[in-house]
Protein backbone atom coordinates (compact mmCIF):
# COMPACT_ATOMS: atom_id res chain seq x y z
CA MET A 1 -255.16 96.85 43.30
CA HIS A 2 -254.29 95.87 46.86
CA SER A 3 -255.70 93.04 48.94
CA SER A 4 -258.34 93.79 51.54
CA THR A 5 -260.88 91.91 53.65
CA LEU A 6 -264.26 92.49 55.21
CA HIS A 7 -265.77 90.16 57.80
CA LEU A 8 -269.21 90.85 59.26
CA SER A 9 -271.62 88.84 61.36
CA ILE A 10 -275.31 89.81 61.37
CA PRO A 11 -278.44 88.49 63.09
CA SER A 12 -280.92 86.67 60.84
CA SER A 13 -283.02 89.67 59.87
CA LEU A 14 -283.70 90.93 56.35
CA GLU A 15 -283.46 94.48 57.72
CA GLU A 16 -279.80 93.74 58.54
CA VAL A 17 -279.18 92.89 54.87
CA GLU A 18 -280.61 96.27 53.90
CA LEU A 19 -278.29 98.01 56.37
CA LEU A 20 -275.31 95.99 55.13
CA HIS A 21 -276.01 96.67 51.46
CA ALA A 22 -274.32 100.09 51.33
CA ARG A 23 -271.25 98.80 53.14
CA LEU A 24 -270.99 95.91 50.68
CA VAL A 25 -271.22 98.22 47.64
CA THR A 26 -268.61 100.56 49.16
CA PHE A 27 -266.18 97.70 49.81
CA ILE A 28 -266.46 96.43 46.24
CA SER A 29 -266.16 99.94 44.77
CA GLU A 30 -263.16 100.90 46.91
CA ASN A 31 -261.27 97.89 45.61
CA GLY A 32 -261.40 99.09 42.01
CA PHE A 33 -263.61 96.44 40.42
CA THR A 34 -265.47 97.18 37.19
CA ASP A 35 -269.16 98.07 37.22
CA ALA A 36 -269.96 94.73 35.56
CA LEU A 37 -268.30 92.75 38.36
CA LYS A 38 -269.83 95.00 41.02
CA MET A 39 -273.32 94.38 39.64
CA ARG A 40 -272.89 90.58 39.46
CA ALA A 41 -271.29 90.36 42.91
CA GLU A 42 -273.79 92.66 44.60
CA LEU A 43 -276.76 90.71 43.23
CA ALA A 44 -275.30 87.32 44.16
CA ILE A 45 -274.11 88.33 47.64
CA ILE A 46 -277.47 89.90 48.58
CA GLU A 47 -279.21 86.74 47.33
CA ALA A 48 -276.85 84.51 49.35
CA LEU A 49 -277.40 86.57 52.52
CA THR A 50 -281.18 86.52 52.00
CA ASN A 51 -281.14 82.73 51.43
CA ALA A 52 -279.03 82.22 54.56
CA ILE A 53 -281.55 84.17 56.65
CA ARG A 54 -284.73 82.76 55.10
CA HIS A 55 -283.86 79.15 54.34
CA GLY A 56 -280.78 78.51 56.45
CA ASN A 57 -281.56 80.18 59.76
CA GLN A 58 -285.35 80.33 59.25
CA HIS A 59 -285.42 84.02 60.33
CA ASP A 60 -284.19 83.02 63.83
CA PRO A 61 -282.67 86.25 65.24
CA LEU A 62 -280.53 84.21 67.64
CA LYS A 63 -278.72 82.60 64.70
CA MET A 64 -276.06 84.58 62.89
CA VAL A 65 -275.09 84.91 59.25
CA GLU A 66 -271.45 85.57 58.46
CA LEU A 67 -270.15 87.44 55.44
CA LYS A 68 -266.49 87.31 54.50
CA LEU A 69 -265.11 89.16 51.51
CA TRP A 70 -261.53 89.27 50.38
CA THR A 71 -259.77 90.56 47.34
CA SER A 72 -256.70 89.76 45.33
CA PRO A 73 -255.73 91.28 41.98
CA ASN A 74 -258.82 91.12 39.73
CA ILE A 75 -260.60 88.63 42.03
CA LEU A 76 -263.32 89.12 44.65
CA THR A 77 -264.07 86.12 46.84
CA CYS A 78 -267.13 85.95 49.07
CA GLU A 79 -268.21 83.45 51.69
CA VAL A 80 -271.67 83.48 53.28
CA SER A 81 -272.42 81.04 56.10
CA ASP A 82 -275.42 80.33 58.28
CA GLN A 83 -276.22 78.21 61.33
CA GLY A 84 -279.11 76.31 59.78
CA GLU A 85 -279.69 72.63 59.06
CA GLY A 86 -278.01 72.80 55.66
CA PHE A 87 -279.22 71.39 52.35
CA ASP A 88 -278.03 69.49 49.31
CA PRO A 89 -277.63 72.03 46.48
CA GLU A 90 -277.71 69.21 43.92
CA LYS A 91 -281.31 68.43 44.93
CA VAL A 92 -282.55 71.96 44.27
CA ALA A 93 -284.86 71.91 41.26
CA ASP A 94 -283.51 73.51 38.09
CA PRO A 95 -285.83 76.48 37.43
CA LEU A 96 -285.23 76.21 33.67
CA VAL A 97 -286.76 72.74 33.36
CA SER A 98 -290.31 73.10 32.02
CA ASP A 99 -291.92 71.35 35.03
CA ASN A 100 -290.25 73.89 37.34
CA LEU A 101 -290.87 77.12 35.43
CA LEU A 102 -293.75 78.20 37.66
CA LYS A 103 -292.28 76.96 40.94
CA THR A 104 -290.95 79.60 43.30
CA GLY A 105 -288.04 77.58 44.70
CA GLY A 106 -284.60 76.99 43.26
CA ARG A 107 -284.11 80.36 41.61
CA GLY A 108 -281.69 81.68 44.24
CA VAL A 109 -279.18 78.84 43.88
CA PHE A 110 -279.48 79.11 40.09
CA LEU A 111 -278.85 82.86 40.26
CA LEU A 112 -275.78 82.43 42.48
CA ARG A 113 -274.27 79.94 40.09
CA GLU A 114 -274.97 82.17 37.08
CA MET A 115 -273.63 85.40 38.59
CA ALA A 116 -270.42 84.01 40.11
CA ASP A 117 -267.51 82.64 38.11
CA GLU A 118 -267.34 79.85 40.71
CA ALA A 119 -269.92 78.90 43.33
CA THR A 120 -269.28 76.04 45.74
CA PHE A 121 -271.33 74.85 48.68
CA GLU A 122 -269.57 73.50 51.75
CA ASN A 123 -270.37 72.30 55.26
CA GLY A 124 -273.59 70.57 54.20
CA GLY A 125 -274.86 73.60 52.31
CA ARG A 126 -274.37 75.98 55.25
CA VAL A 127 -271.53 77.82 53.47
CA ILE A 128 -271.39 79.17 49.94
CA ARG A 129 -268.15 80.43 48.48
CA MET A 130 -268.36 82.56 45.36
CA VAL A 131 -265.51 83.82 43.23
CA PHE A 132 -265.89 86.78 40.87
CA ARG A 133 -263.17 87.51 38.31
CA GLU A 134 -262.61 90.59 36.15
């Protein structure tokens, strides 16, 4: 497996995520990752892009979302960043706590942490870095 990178910048539109989806799947597939990793990464990256558009940039088409992907042997690293106000990921309600089971918020951050082998938030919550390992 060789190293490769993908860096894209898209306006804050959910339609852009749909257009980007095929390119994302192709990049992961072309780098020889297993189907299990592809599935986890695809789900988490689409969720991170959607969160960046919805919650970070508040659907503002003048604000951009950046996606950076890079590979090394058996590792896919992804960084999604937005131009929003940021947030504290530690203050997001745990959706598994009984009081939060019916709430609609907090599931995206939970999902990202579950799907990735590592998920870290930087720059006041405006950047998420996820690492996926074979």
